[in-house]
Amino acid sequence: MAPVRVRPVAAGDAAWAEQVLRDLTAGPRIVSRGRLHDGTALPGYVAEADGDPVGLLLYEVVGDQCEVVFVGATTERTGAGAALLATAVAHAMEARCTRCWLVTTNDNINAIRFYQRRGWDLAAVHRDAVTESRHLKPEIPETGTDGIPIRHELEFEHRLPDR
């Protein structure tokens, strides 16, 4: 497979991006830290390999914080996720943010490993946050990877150099 190239999300990506969100998060509505995001309205990046989209990252900058609201690869082990995270960090630095952060759920062992291997630090465990998030998005499943009950949000961060 060819090297991964990352580019900003374009208008022509809308249907594909919405399908990715449906496939990987049960729809375009995304909940993090008690906030409901419309994934179809967020800025982001697409990772491509051989001209085909293989990954999506959506973010939101608020003040000096850049939240990675969603990151996912449609084809695993292409380098898409790592390239997308690196691009988000670069964008956050350009936006003069002090940190990038994201949440994943307690059942997502592969993501937990993935973020830590790329230098993201566990910053907080928000106990029962997903249980509360079901009030905003009832379609969040009760059970996730390997039959693990989905209850908690794990917050990872990547601190950025002071400017």
Protein backbone atom coordinates (compact mmCIF):
# COMPACT_ATOMS: atom_id res chain seq x y z
CA MET A 1 0.00 0.00 0.00
CA ALA A 2 1.18 3.52 -0.81
CA PRO A 3 2.13 5.99 1.92
CA VAL A 4 -0.74 7.75 3.64
CA ARG A 5 -1.48 11.33 2.63
CA VAL A 6 -3.58 13.60 4.88
CA ARG A 7 -5.73 16.44 3.59
CA PRO A 8 -8.53 18.58 5.00
CA VAL A 9 -12.08 17.25 4.77
CA ALA A 10 -13.75 18.57 1.61
CA ALA A 11 -17.42 19.00 0.70
CA GLY A 12 -17.22 15.89 -1.50
CA ASP A 13 -16.31 13.79 1.55
CA ALA A 14 -19.62 14.39 3.36
CA ALA A 15 -21.42 11.15 2.47
CA TRP A 16 -18.32 9.02 3.04
CA ALA A 17 -17.56 10.73 6.39
CA GLU A 18 -21.13 10.28 7.59
CA GLN A 19 -20.99 6.58 6.69
CA VAL A 20 -17.70 6.21 8.60
CA LEU A 21 -19.34 7.76 11.65
CA ARG A 22 -22.32 5.43 11.30
CA ASP A 23 -20.05 2.40 10.96
CA LEU A 24 -17.66 3.28 13.79
CA THR A 25 -19.74 5.29 16.30
CA ALA A 26 -23.42 4.42 15.77
CA GLY A 27 -24.11 7.65 13.91
CA PRO A 28 -22.87 11.15 13.25
CA ARG A 29 -23.77 12.37 16.75
CA ILE A 30 -20.75 12.07 19.05
CA VAL A 31 -20.72 12.60 22.81
CA SER A 32 -17.59 13.56 24.73
CA ARG A 33 -17.35 14.98 28.23
CA GLY A 34 -21.10 15.52 28.36
CA ARG A 35 -21.28 17.48 25.11
CA LEU A 36 -23.12 16.35 22.02
CA HIS A 37 -21.26 17.08 18.76
CA ASP A 38 -22.63 16.90 15.22
CA GLY A 39 -19.85 15.04 13.42
CA THR A 40 -21.11 16.23 10.05
CA ALA A 41 -20.49 19.87 11.05
CA LEU A 42 -16.96 19.56 12.46
CA PRO A 43 -13.75 20.39 10.60
CA GLY A 44 -11.34 17.55 10.05
CA TYR A 45 -8.88 15.60 7.99
CA VAL A 46 -9.05 12.60 5.69
CA ALA A 47 -6.22 10.10 5.36
CA GLU A 48 -5.83 8.57 1.90
CA ALA A 49 -3.82 5.63 0.60
CA ASP A 50 -3.65 4.96 -3.14
CA GLY A 51 -6.16 7.79 -3.59
CA ASP A 52 -8.80 6.10 -1.44
CA PRO A 53 -9.96 7.43 1.93
CA VAL A 54 -8.81 5.17 4.78
CA GLY A 55 -9.23 7.35 7.85
CA LEU A 56 -11.08 10.32 9.29
CA LEU A 57 -10.32 12.75 12.10
CA LEU A 58 -12.72 15.45 13.34
CA TYR A 59 -11.75 18.16 15.79
CA GLU A 60 -12.91 21.28 17.56
CA VAL A 61 -10.73 24.12 18.85
CA VAL A 62 -12.14 25.98 21.85
CA GLY A 63 -9.87 28.59 23.39
CA ASP A 64 -6.43 27.05 23.76
CA GLN A 65 -7.68 23.45 23.61
CA CYS A 66 -7.99 21.21 20.56
CA GLU A 67 -10.32 18.28 21.10
CA VAL A 68 -9.99 15.36 18.73
CA VAL A 69 -13.69 14.53 18.70
CA PHE A 70 -13.33 11.49 16.43
CA VAL A 71 -10.49 9.55 14.87
CA GLY A 72 -10.94 6.28 13.06
CA ALA A 73 -9.43 4.20 10.31
CA THR A 74 -11.55 2.28 7.84
CA THR A 75 -8.54 0.18 6.90
CA GLU A 76 -6.33 -0.85 9.80
CA ARG A 77 -2.55 -0.89 9.87
CA THR A 78 -2.13 1.66 7.08
CA GLY A 79 -0.66 4.38 9.29
CA ALA A 80 -3.82 6.44 8.83
CA GLY A 81 -4.54 6.91 12.54
CA ALA A 82 -0.98 7.94 13.38
CA ALA A 83 -0.84 10.35 10.43
CA LEU A 84 -4.18 11.88 11.38
CA LEU A 85 -3.16 12.38 15.03
CA ALA A 86 0.14 13.96 13.97
CA THR A 87 -1.76 16.32 11.68
CA ALA A 88 -4.16 17.28 14.49
CA VAL A 89 -1.22 18.06 16.79
CA ALA A 90 0.40 20.18 14.07
CA HIS A 91 -2.89 22.02 13.52
CA ALA A 92 -3.25 22.63 17.27
CA MET A 93 0.26 24.06 17.42
CA GLU A 94 -0.54 26.42 14.54
CA ALA A 95 -3.72 27.44 16.38
CA ARG A 96 -1.57 28.19 19.45
CA CYS A 97 -3.29 25.58 21.60
CA THR A 98 -1.71 24.33 24.80
CA ARG A 99 -2.92 20.78 24.39
CA CYS A 100 -4.80 18.30 22.24
CA TRP A 101 -7.12 15.93 24.00
CA LEU A 102 -9.60 13.18 23.26
CA VAL A 103 -11.69 10.60 25.02
CA THR A 104 -12.23 6.94 24.41
CA THR A 105 -14.27 4.42 26.32
CA ASN A 106 -13.00 1.95 28.90
CA ASP A 107 -13.67 -1.03 26.60
CA ASN A 108 -11.57 0.28 23.70
CA ILE A 109 -8.33 -1.51 24.57
CA ASN A 110 -6.88 -1.14 21.06
CA ALA A 111 -7.36 2.65 21.13
CA ILE A 112 -5.89 2.91 24.63
CA ARG A 113 -2.77 1.08 23.45
CA PHE A 114 -2.67 3.10 20.20
CA TYR A 115 -2.77 6.51 21.94
CA GLN A 116 -0.16 5.59 24.55
CA ARG A 117 2.24 4.24 21.93
CA ARG A 118 2.03 7.62 20.19
CA GLY A 119 2.90 9.64 23.27
CA TRP A 120 -0.57 10.61 24.42
CA ASP A 121 -0.90 10.53 28.21
CA LEU A 122 -3.85 9.35 30.26
CA ALA A 123 -5.04 12.60 31.87
CA ALA A 124 -8.28 11.54 33.57
CA VAL A 125 -10.78 8.77 34.06
CA HIS A 126 -14.33 10.07 34.04
CA ARG A 127 -16.25 7.42 35.93
CA ASP A 128 -19.71 6.57 34.60
CA ALA A 129 -19.49 9.36 31.98
CA VAL A 130 -20.76 7.05 29.24
CA THR A 131 -23.66 6.00 31.42
CA GLU A 132 -24.58 9.71 31.61
CA SER A 133 -23.91 10.22 27.88
CA ARG A 134 -26.67 7.75 27.04
CA HIS A 135 -29.13 10.47 28.07
CA LEU A 136 -27.83 12.50 25.08
CA LYS A 137 -27.26 9.53 22.75
CA PRO A 138 -29.33 6.49 23.77
CA GLU A 139 -27.92 4.37 20.93
CA ILE A 140 -24.56 4.03 22.70
CA PRO A 141 -24.32 0.29 23.32
CA GLU A 142 -24.13 -1.10 26.84
CA THR A 143 -21.36 -3.55 25.95
CA GLY A 144 -18.33 -3.06 23.75
CA THR A 145 -15.13 -4.77 22.75
CA ASP A 146 -14.65 -8.25 24.22
CA GLY A 147 -17.95 -8.03 26.12
CA ILE A 148 -16.67 -5.24 28.39
CA PRO A 149 -19.45 -3.01 29.77
CA ILE A 150 -19.04 0.54 28.41
CA ARG A 151 -19.24 2.94 31.36
CA HIS A 152 -16.27 5.29 31.60
CA GLU A 153 -14.49 7.87 29.45
CA LEU A 154 -10.72 7.84 29.48
CA GLU A 155 -9.25 11.23 28.60
CA PHE A 156 -5.90 11.30 26.83
CA GLU A 157 -3.88 14.42 26.15
CA HIS A 158 -0.91 15.56 24.15
CA ARG A 159 0.65 18.65 25.76
CA LEU A 160 2.01 21.22 23.34
CA PRO A 161 5.07 23.41 23.80
CA ASP A 162 4.53 26.80 25.40
CA ARG A 163 4.55 29.65 22.95
